[in-house]
Amino acid sequence: MNLRCPDCGRVNNIPANAGNIQFRCYNCGALLPQNNPPSADTSEAVGLIGGAVLGGAIGGPVGAIVGAIIGAVLGRETKGAA
């Protein structure tokens, strides 16, 4: 996992499974922000369900399948943009 130092701006590579250990910057020694584990994100599931419902309402069973695929892709893209 990469964390940027708030003081000097250097990107520090720290282990992702470090837990609650607080690291210091390799360059200036300042404390880095806490390593918070990623929270569960439901954007992809919401996109999948919403796309299936909307596609099913407009195009029947085939529309539901196509809508679910497009919804899942859009949900995954939204997760990366956040």
PDB file of N, CA and C in Angstrom:
ATOM      1  N   MET A   1       0.844  -1.166   0.000  1.00  0.00           N
ATOM      2  CA  MET A   1       0.000   0.000   0.000  1.00  0.00           C
ATOM      3  C   MET A   1       0.889   1.227   0.000  1.00  0.00           C
ATOM      4  N   ASN A   2       0.498   2.226  -0.758  1.00  0.00           N
ATOM      5  CA  ASN A   2       1.271   3.449  -0.851  1.00  0.00           C
ATOM      6  C   ASN A   2       0.577   4.568  -0.077  1.00  0.00           C
ATOM      7  N   LEU A   3       1.332   5.224   0.796  1.00  0.00           N
ATOM      8  CA  LEU A   3       0.821   6.373   1.547  1.00  0.00           C
ATOM      9  C   LEU A   3       1.708   7.575   1.269  1.00  0.00           C
ATOM     10  N   ARG A   4       1.071   8.712   1.026  1.00  0.00           N
ATOM     11  CA  ARG A   4       1.806   9.952   0.772  1.00  0.00           C
ATOM     12  C   ARG A   4       2.028  10.678   2.091  1.00  0.00           C
ATOM     13  N   CYS A   5       3.242  11.147   2.295  1.00  0.00           N
ATOM     14  CA  CYS A   5       3.597  11.888   3.497  1.00  0.00           C
ATOM     15  C   CYS A   5       2.922  13.260   3.458  1.00  0.00           C
ATOM     16  N   PRO A   6       2.252  13.659   4.542  1.00  0.00           N
ATOM     17  CA  PRO A   6       1.601  14.968   4.543  1.00  0.00           C
ATOM     18  C   PRO A   6       2.594  16.132   4.610  1.00  0.00           C
ATOM     19  N   ASP A   7       3.831  15.891   5.057  1.00  0.00           N
ATOM     20  CA  ASP A   7       4.805  16.971   5.180  1.00  0.00           C
ATOM     21  C   ASP A   7       5.629  17.180   3.907  1.00  0.00           C
ATOM     22  N   CYS A   8       6.284  16.119   3.432  1.00  0.00           N
ATOM     23  CA  CYS A   8       7.195  16.293   2.295  1.00  0.00           C
ATOM     24  C   CYS A   8       6.596  15.818   0.972  1.00  0.00           C
ATOM     25  N   GLY A   9       5.498  15.034   1.016  1.00  0.00           N
ATOM     26  CA  GLY A   9       4.845  14.589  -0.209  1.00  0.00           C
ATOM     27  C   GLY A   9       5.405  13.314  -0.807  1.00  0.00           C
ATOM     28  N   ARG A  10       6.389  12.698  -0.180  1.00  0.00           N
ATOM     29  CA  ARG A  10       6.956  11.468  -0.728  1.00  0.00           C
ATOM     30  C   ARG A  10       5.984  10.307  -0.545  1.00  0.00           C
ATOM     31  N   VAL A  11       5.903   9.440  -1.542  1.00  0.00           N
ATOM     32  CA  VAL A  11       5.056   8.258  -1.469  1.00  0.00           C
ATOM     33  C   VAL A  11       5.856   7.141  -0.824  1.00  0.00           C
ATOM     34  N   ASN A  12       5.324   6.602   0.278  1.00  0.00           N
ATOM     35  CA  ASN A  12       5.984   5.545   1.028  1.00  0.00           C
ATOM     36  C   ASN A  12       5.247   4.237   0.812  1.00  0.00           C
ATOM     37  N   ASN A  13       5.976   3.177   0.533  1.00  0.00           N
ATOM     38  CA  ASN A  13       5.396   1.860   0.330  1.00  0.00           C
ATOM     39  C   ASN A  13       5.419   1.119   1.656  1.00  0.00           C
ATOM     40  N   ILE A  14       4.230   0.799   2.192  1.00  0.00           N
ATOM     41  CA  ILE A  14       4.140   0.071   3.453  1.00  0.00           C
ATOM     42  C   ILE A  14       3.336  -1.202   3.210  1.00  0.00           C
ATOM     43  N   PRO A  15       3.489  -2.231   4.044  1.00  0.00           N
ATOM     44  CA  PRO A  15       2.736  -3.470   3.855  1.00  0.00           C
ATOM     45  C   PRO A  15       1.238  -3.241   4.062  1.00  0.00           C
ATOM     46  N   ALA A  16       0.414  -3.878   3.241  1.00  0.00           N
ATOM     47  CA  ALA A  16      -1.034  -3.695   3.321  1.00  0.00           C
ATOM     48  C   ALA A  16      -1.623  -4.371   4.553  1.00  0.00           C
ATOM     49  N   ASN A  17      -0.985  -5.399   5.060  1.00  0.00           N
ATOM     50  CA  ASN A  17      -1.518  -6.132   6.212  1.00  0.00           C
ATOM     51  C   ASN A  17      -0.837  -5.719   7.515  1.00  0.00           C
ATOM     52  N   ALA A  18      -0.454  -4.457   7.642  1.00  0.00           N
ATOM     53  CA  ALA A  18       0.291  -3.994   8.804  1.00  0.00           C
ATOM     54  C   ALA A  18      -0.582  -3.792  10.030  1.00  0.00           C
ATOM     55  N   GLY A  19      -1.907  -3.738   9.863  1.00  0.00           N
ATOM     56  CA  GLY A  19      -2.794  -3.546  11.008  1.00  0.00           C
ATOM     57  C   GLY A  19      -2.811  -2.096  11.465  1.00  0.00           C
ATOM     58  N   ASN A  20      -2.703  -1.883  12.784  1.00  0.00           N
ATOM     59  CA  ASN A  20      -2.780  -0.529  13.349  1.00  0.00           C
ATOM     60  C   ASN A  20      -1.413   0.071  13.642  1.00  0.00           C
ATOM     61  N   ILE A  21      -0.383  -0.410  12.994  1.00  0.00           N
ATOM     62  CA  ILE A  21       0.964   0.118  13.210  1.00  0.00           C
ATOM     63  C   ILE A  21       1.083   1.464  12.499  1.00  0.00           C
ATOM     64  N   GLN A  22       1.625   2.454  13.196  1.00  0.00           N
ATOM     65  CA  GLN A  22       1.826   3.774  12.597  1.00  0.00           C
ATOM     66  C   GLN A  22       3.256   3.840  12.060  1.00  0.00           C
ATOM     67  N   PHE A  23       3.386   4.197  10.786  1.00  0.00           N
ATOM     68  CA  PHE A  23       4.687   4.263  10.129  1.00  0.00           C
ATOM     69  C   PHE A  23       5.165   5.700  10.030  1.00  0.00           C
ATOM     70  N   ARG A  24       6.485   5.832   9.867  1.00  0.00           N
ATOM     71  CA  ARG A  24       7.089   7.142   9.640  1.00  0.00           C
ATOM     72  C   ARG A  24       7.549   7.237   8.199  1.00  0.00           C
ATOM     73  N   CYS A  25       7.635   8.466   7.701  1.00  0.00           N
ATOM     74  CA  CYS A  25       8.070   8.717   6.334  1.00  0.00           C
ATOM     75  C   CYS A  25       9.538   8.334   6.192  1.00  0.00           C
ATOM     76  N   TYR A  26       9.864   7.701   5.073  1.00  0.00           N
ATOM     77  CA  TYR A  26      11.255   7.298   4.833  1.00  0.00           C
ATOM     78  C   TYR A  26      12.152   8.507   4.593  1.00  0.00           C
ATOM     79  N   ASN A  27      11.567   9.608   4.123  1.00  0.00           N
ATOM     80  CA  ASN A  27      12.352  10.773   3.755  1.00  0.00           C
ATOM     81  C   ASN A  27      12.551  11.738   4.927  1.00  0.00           C
ATOM     82  N   CYS A  28      11.438  12.171   5.572  1.00  0.00           N
ATOM     83  CA  CYS A  28      11.554  13.207   6.595  1.00  0.00           C
ATOM     84  C   CYS A  28      11.262  12.720   8.010  1.00  0.00           C
ATOM     85  N   GLY A  29      10.722  11.515   8.166  1.00  0.00           N
ATOM     86  CA  GLY A  29      10.466  10.966   9.493  1.00  0.00           C
ATOM     87  C   GLY A  29       9.134  11.365  10.104  1.00  0.00           C
ATOM     88  N   ALA A  30       8.300  12.095   9.390  1.00  0.00           N
ATOM     89  CA  ALA A  30       6.991  12.493   9.911  1.00  0.00           C
ATOM     90  C   ALA A  30       6.078  11.278   9.969  1.00  0.00           C
ATOM     91  N   LEU A  31       5.104  11.325  10.875  1.00  0.00           N
ATOM     92  CA  LEU A  31       4.148  10.230  10.986  1.00  0.00           C
ATOM     93  C   LEU A  31       3.215  10.227   9.782  1.00  0.00           C
ATOM     94  N   LEU A  32       3.006   9.030   9.221  1.00  0.00           N
ATOM     95  CA  LEU A  32       2.100   8.883   8.090  1.00  0.00           C
ATOM     96  C   LEU A  32       0.681   8.690   8.604  1.00  0.00           C
ATOM     97  N   PRO A  33      -0.323   8.967   7.772  1.00  0.00           N
ATOM     98  CA  PRO A  33      -1.710   8.735   8.204  1.00  0.00           C
ATOM     99  C   PRO A  33      -1.932   7.261   8.503  1.00  0.00           C
ATOM    100  N   GLN A  34      -2.905   6.985   9.372  1.00  0.00           N
ATOM    101  CA  GLN A  34      -3.207   5.602   9.747  1.00  0.00           C
ATOM    102  C   GLN A  34      -3.596   4.788   8.529  1.00  0.00           C
ATOM    103  N   ASN A  35      -3.196   3.548   8.538  1.00  0.00           N
ATOM    104  CA  ASN A  35      -3.525   2.612   7.481  1.00  0.00           C
ATOM    105  C   ASN A  35      -4.906   2.035   7.767  1.00  0.00           C
ATOM    106  N   ASN A  36      -5.958   2.629   7.154  1.00  0.00           N
ATOM    107  CA  ASN A  36      -7.322   2.156   7.378  1.00  0.00           C
ATOM    108  C   ASN A  36      -7.669   1.079   6.366  1.00  0.00           C
ATOM    109  N   PRO A  37      -8.195  -0.054   6.832  1.00  0.00           N
ATOM    110  CA  PRO A  37      -8.579  -1.105   5.887  1.00  0.00           C
ATOM    111  C   PRO A  37      -9.751  -0.638   5.026  1.00  0.00           C
ATOM    112  N   PRO A  38      -9.804  -1.059   3.772  1.00  0.00           N
ATOM    113  CA  PRO A  38     -10.907  -0.633   2.916  1.00  0.00           C
ATOM    114  C   PRO A  38     -12.231  -1.177   3.424  1.00  0.00           C
ATOM    115  N   SER A  39     -13.264  -0.340   3.343  1.00  0.00           N
ATOM    116  CA  SER A  39     -14.587  -0.773   3.790  1.00  0.00           C
ATOM    117  C   SER A  39     -15.311  -1.486   2.651  1.00  0.00           C
ATOM    118  N   ALA A  40     -16.311  -2.235   3.000  1.00  0.00           N
ATOM    119  CA  ALA A  40     -17.085  -2.958   1.992  1.00  0.00           C
ATOM    120  C   ALA A  40     -17.842  -1.953   1.133  1.00  0.00           C
ATOM    121  N   ASP A  41     -17.710  -2.071  -0.159  1.00  0.00           N
ATOM    122  CA  ASP A  41     -18.375  -1.164  -1.076  1.00  0.00           C
ATOM    123  C   ASP A  41     -19.398  -1.948  -1.872  1.00  0.00           C
ATOM    124  N   THR A  42     -20.578  -1.404  -2.009  1.00  0.00           N
ATOM    125  CA  THR A  42     -21.663  -2.119  -2.674  1.00  0.00           C
ATOM    126  C   THR A  42     -22.031  -1.502  -4.013  1.00  0.00           C
ATOM    127  N   SER A  43     -21.173  -0.674  -4.578  1.00  0.00           N
ATOM    128  CA  SER A  43     -21.493  -0.006  -5.834  1.00  0.00           C
ATOM    129  C   SER A  43     -21.759  -0.999  -6.958  1.00  0.00           C
ATOM    130  N   GLU A  44     -20.948  -2.037  -7.040  1.00  0.00           N
ATOM    131  CA  GLU A  44     -21.109  -3.013  -8.116  1.00  0.00           C
ATOM    132  C   GLU A  44     -22.416  -3.790  -7.959  1.00  0.00           C
ATOM    133  N   ALA A  45     -22.758  -4.177  -6.733  1.00  0.00           N
ATOM    134  CA  ALA A  45     -24.004  -4.919  -6.504  1.00  0.00           C
ATOM    135  C   ALA A  45     -25.225  -4.056  -6.786  1.00  0.00           C
ATOM    136  N   VAL A  46     -25.178  -2.800  -6.380  1.00  0.00           N
ATOM    137  CA  VAL A  46     -26.299  -1.901  -6.650  1.00  0.00           C
ATOM    138  C   VAL A  46     -26.453  -1.680  -8.148  1.00  0.00           C
ATOM    139  N   GLY A  47     -25.356  -1.529  -8.856  1.00  0.00           N
ATOM    140  CA  GLY A  47     -25.410  -1.373 -10.306  1.00  0.00           C
ATOM    141  C   GLY A  47     -25.963  -2.609 -10.989  1.00  0.00           C
ATOM    142  N   LEU A  48     -25.569  -3.780 -10.497  1.00  0.00           N
ATOM    143  CA  LEU A  48     -26.055  -5.041 -11.056  1.00  0.00           C
ATOM    144  C   LEU A  48     -27.567  -5.161 -10.890  1.00  0.00           C
ATOM    145  N   ILE A  49     -28.061  -4.928  -9.693  1.00  0.00           N
ATOM    146  CA  ILE A  49     -29.491  -5.060  -9.423  1.00  0.00           C
ATOM    147  C   ILE A  49     -30.285  -3.979 -10.156  1.00  0.00           C
ATOM    148  N   GLY A  50     -29.817  -2.743 -10.084  1.00  0.00           N
ATOM    149  CA  GLY A  50     -30.522  -1.651 -10.767  1.00  0.00           C
ATOM    150  C   GLY A  50     -30.569  -1.847 -12.270  1.00  0.00           C
ATOM    151  N   GLY A  51     -29.471  -2.281 -12.848  1.00  0.00           N
ATOM    152  CA  GLY A  51     -29.433  -2.530 -14.283  1.00  0.00           C
ATOM    153  C   GLY A  51     -30.357  -3.660 -14.697  1.00  0.00           C
ATOM    154  N   ALA A  52     -30.414  -4.704 -13.869  1.00  0.00           N
ATOM    155  CA  ALA A  52     -31.287  -5.834 -14.179  1.00  0.00           C
ATOM    156  C   ALA A  52     -32.752  -5.429 -14.108  1.00  0.00           C
ATOM    157  N   VAL A  53     -33.116  -4.652 -13.105  1.00  0.00           N
ATOM    158  CA  VAL A  53     -34.503  -4.216 -12.969  1.00  0.00           C
ATOM    159  C   VAL A  53     -34.906  -3.303 -14.113  1.00  0.00           C
ATOM    160  N   LEU A  54     -34.065  -2.325 -14.402  1.00  0.00           N
ATOM    161  CA  LEU A  54     -34.385  -1.395 -15.489  1.00  0.00           C
ATOM    162  C   LEU A  54     -34.390  -2.108 -16.839  1.00  0.00           C
ATOM    163  N   GLY A  55     -33.412  -2.950 -17.086  1.00  0.00           N
ATOM    164  CA  GLY A  55     -33.366  -3.693 -18.342  1.00  0.00           C
ATOM    165  C   GLY A  55     -34.535  -4.641 -18.487  1.00  0.00           C
ATOM    166  N   GLY A  56     -34.947  -5.271 -17.375  1.00  0.00           N
ATOM    167  CA  GLY A  56     -36.094  -6.165 -17.412  1.00  0.00           C
ATOM    168  C   GLY A  56     -37.385  -5.422 -17.674  1.00  0.00           C
ATOM    169  N   ALA A  57     -37.525  -4.228 -17.147  1.00  0.00           N
ATOM    170  CA  ALA A  57     -38.736  -3.444 -17.361  1.00  0.00           C
ATOM    171  C   ALA A  57     -38.843  -2.974 -18.807  1.00  0.00           C
ATOM    172  N   ILE A  58     -37.715  -2.687 -19.413  1.00  0.00           N
ATOM    173  CA  ILE A  58     -37.746  -2.161 -20.785  1.00  0.00           C
ATOM    174  C   ILE A  58     -37.697  -3.290 -21.807  1.00  0.00           C
ATOM    175  N   GLY A  59     -36.804  -4.260 -21.628  1.00  0.00           N
ATOM    176  CA  GLY A  59     -36.570  -5.239 -22.685  1.00  0.00           C
ATOM    177  C   GLY A  59     -36.840  -6.675 -22.334  1.00  0.00           C
ATOM    178  N   GLY A  60     -37.483  -6.957 -21.231  1.00  0.00           N
ATOM    179  CA  GLY A  60     -37.772  -8.336 -20.875  1.00  0.00           C
ATOM    180  C   GLY A  60     -36.549  -9.070 -20.355  1.00  0.00           C
ATOM    181  N   PRO A  61     -36.540 -10.403 -20.457  1.00  0.00           N
ATOM    182  CA  PRO A  61     -35.433 -11.189 -19.897  1.00  0.00           C
ATOM    183  C   PRO A  61     -34.073 -10.886 -20.524  1.00  0.00           C
ATOM    184  N   VAL A  62     -34.057 -10.687 -21.833  1.00  0.00           N
ATOM    185  CA  VAL A  62     -32.784 -10.368 -22.488  1.00  0.00           C
ATOM    186  C   VAL A  62     -32.299  -8.991 -22.034  1.00  0.00           C
ATOM    187  N   GLY A  63     -33.204  -8.044 -21.915  1.00  0.00           N
ATOM    188  CA  GLY A  63     -32.847  -6.711 -21.420  1.00  0.00           C
ATOM    189  C   GLY A  63     -32.342  -6.744 -19.998  1.00  0.00           C
ATOM    190  N   ALA A  64     -32.896  -7.648 -19.181  1.00  0.00           N
ATOM    191  CA  ALA A  64     -32.439  -7.776 -17.794  1.00  0.00           C
ATOM    192  C   ALA A  64     -30.997  -8.262 -17.741  1.00  0.00           C
ATOM    193  N   ILE A  65     -30.661  -9.213 -18.603  1.00  0.00           N
ATOM    194  CA  ILE A  65     -29.288  -9.733 -18.617  1.00  0.00           C
ATOM    195  C   ILE A  65     -28.316  -8.655 -19.084  1.00  0.00           C
ATOM    196  N   VAL A  66     -28.661  -7.984 -20.175  1.00  0.00           N
ATOM    197  CA  VAL A  66     -27.792  -6.919 -20.695  1.00  0.00           C
ATOM    198  C   VAL A  66     -27.700  -5.771 -19.695  1.00  0.00           C
ATOM    199  N   GLY A  67     -28.829  -5.401 -19.090  1.00  0.00           N
ATOM    200  CA  GLY A  67     -28.829  -4.326 -18.092  1.00  0.00           C
ATOM    201  C   GLY A  67     -28.005  -4.658 -16.877  1.00  0.00           C
ATOM    202  N   ALA A  68     -28.048  -5.924 -16.446  1.00  0.00           N
ATOM    203  CA  ALA A  68     -27.259  -6.337 -15.286  1.00  0.00           C
ATOM    204  C   ALA A  68     -25.763  -6.243 -15.579  1.00  0.00           C
ATOM    205  N   ILE A  69     -25.368  -6.653 -16.766  1.00  0.00           N
ATOM    206  CA  ILE A  69     -23.947  -6.578 -17.129  1.00  0.00           C
ATOM    207  C   ILE A  69     -23.487  -5.126 -17.196  1.00  0.00           C
ATOM    208  N   ILE A  70     -24.262  -4.292 -17.858  1.00  0.00           N
ATOM    209  CA  ILE A  70     -23.887  -2.870 -17.966  1.00  0.00           C
ATOM    210  C   ILE A  70     -23.903  -2.204 -16.592  1.00  0.00           C
ATOM    211  N   GLY A  71     -24.895  -2.527 -15.761  1.00  0.00           N
ATOM    212  CA  GLY A  71     -24.959  -1.959 -14.414  1.00  0.00           C
ATOM    213  C   GLY A  71     -23.779  -2.351 -13.551  1.00  0.00           C
ATOM    214  N   ALA A  72     -23.360  -3.617 -13.665  1.00  0.00           N
ATOM    215  CA  ALA A  72     -22.207  -4.069 -12.886  1.00  0.00           C
ATOM    216  C   ALA A  72     -20.932  -3.356 -13.324  1.00  0.00           C
ATOM    217  N   VAL A  73     -20.769  -3.173 -14.619  1.00  0.00           N
ATOM    218  CA  VAL A  73     -19.584  -2.470 -15.124  1.00  0.00           C
ATOM    219  C   VAL A  73     -19.590  -1.018 -14.667  1.00  0.00           C
ATOM    220  N   LEU A  74     -20.732  -0.359 -14.757  1.00  0.00           N
ATOM    221  CA  LEU A  74     -20.822   1.031 -14.308  1.00  0.00           C
ATOM    222  C   LEU A  74     -20.601   1.141 -12.799  1.00  0.00           C
ATOM    223  N   GLY A  75     -21.126   0.185 -12.033  1.00  0.00           N
ATOM    224  CA  GLY A  75     -20.903   0.201 -10.589  1.00  0.00           C
ATOM    225  C   GLY A  75     -19.443   0.015 -10.227  1.00  0.00           C
ATOM    226  N   ARG A  76     -18.749  -0.840 -10.968  1.00  0.00           N
ATOM    227  CA  ARG A  76     -17.320  -1.061 -10.719  1.00  0.00           C
ATOM    228  C   ARG A  76     -16.524   0.201 -11.043  1.00  0.00           C
ATOM    229  N   GLU A  77     -16.892   0.883 -12.129  1.00  0.00           N
ATOM    230  CA  GLU A  77     -16.204   2.122 -12.494  1.00  0.00           C
ATOM    231  C   GLU A  77     -16.446   3.215 -11.454  1.00  0.00           C
ATOM    232  N   THR A  78     -17.644   3.261 -10.883  1.00  0.00           N
ATOM    233  CA  THR A  78     -17.940   4.280  -9.879  1.00  0.00           C
ATOM    234  C   THR A  78     -17.139   4.029  -8.622  1.00  0.00           C
ATOM    235  N   LYS A  79     -16.938   2.760  -8.282  1.00  0.00           N
ATOM    236  CA  LYS A  79     -16.152   2.422  -7.104  1.00  0.00           C
ATOM    237  C   LYS A  79     -14.720   2.921  -7.269  1.00  0.00           C
ATOM    238  N   GLY A  80     -14.146   2.776  -8.459  1.00  0.00           N
ATOM    239  CA  GLY A  80     -12.791   3.245  -8.696  1.00  0.00           C
ATOM    240  C   GLY A  80     -12.670   4.752  -8.710  1.00  0.00           C
ATOM    241  N   ALA A  81     -13.748   5.466  -9.037  1.00  0.00           N
ATOM    242  CA  ALA A  81     -13.697   6.924  -9.120  1.00  0.00           C
ATOM    243  C   ALA A  81     -13.818   7.585  -7.759  1.00  0.00           C
ATOM    244  N   ALA A  82     -14.347   6.874  -6.784  1.00  0.00           N
ATOM    245  CA  ALA A  82     -14.583   7.482  -5.471  1.00  0.00           C
ATOM    246  C   ALA A  82     -13.329   7.677  -4.692  1.00  0.00           C
TER     247      ALA A  82
END
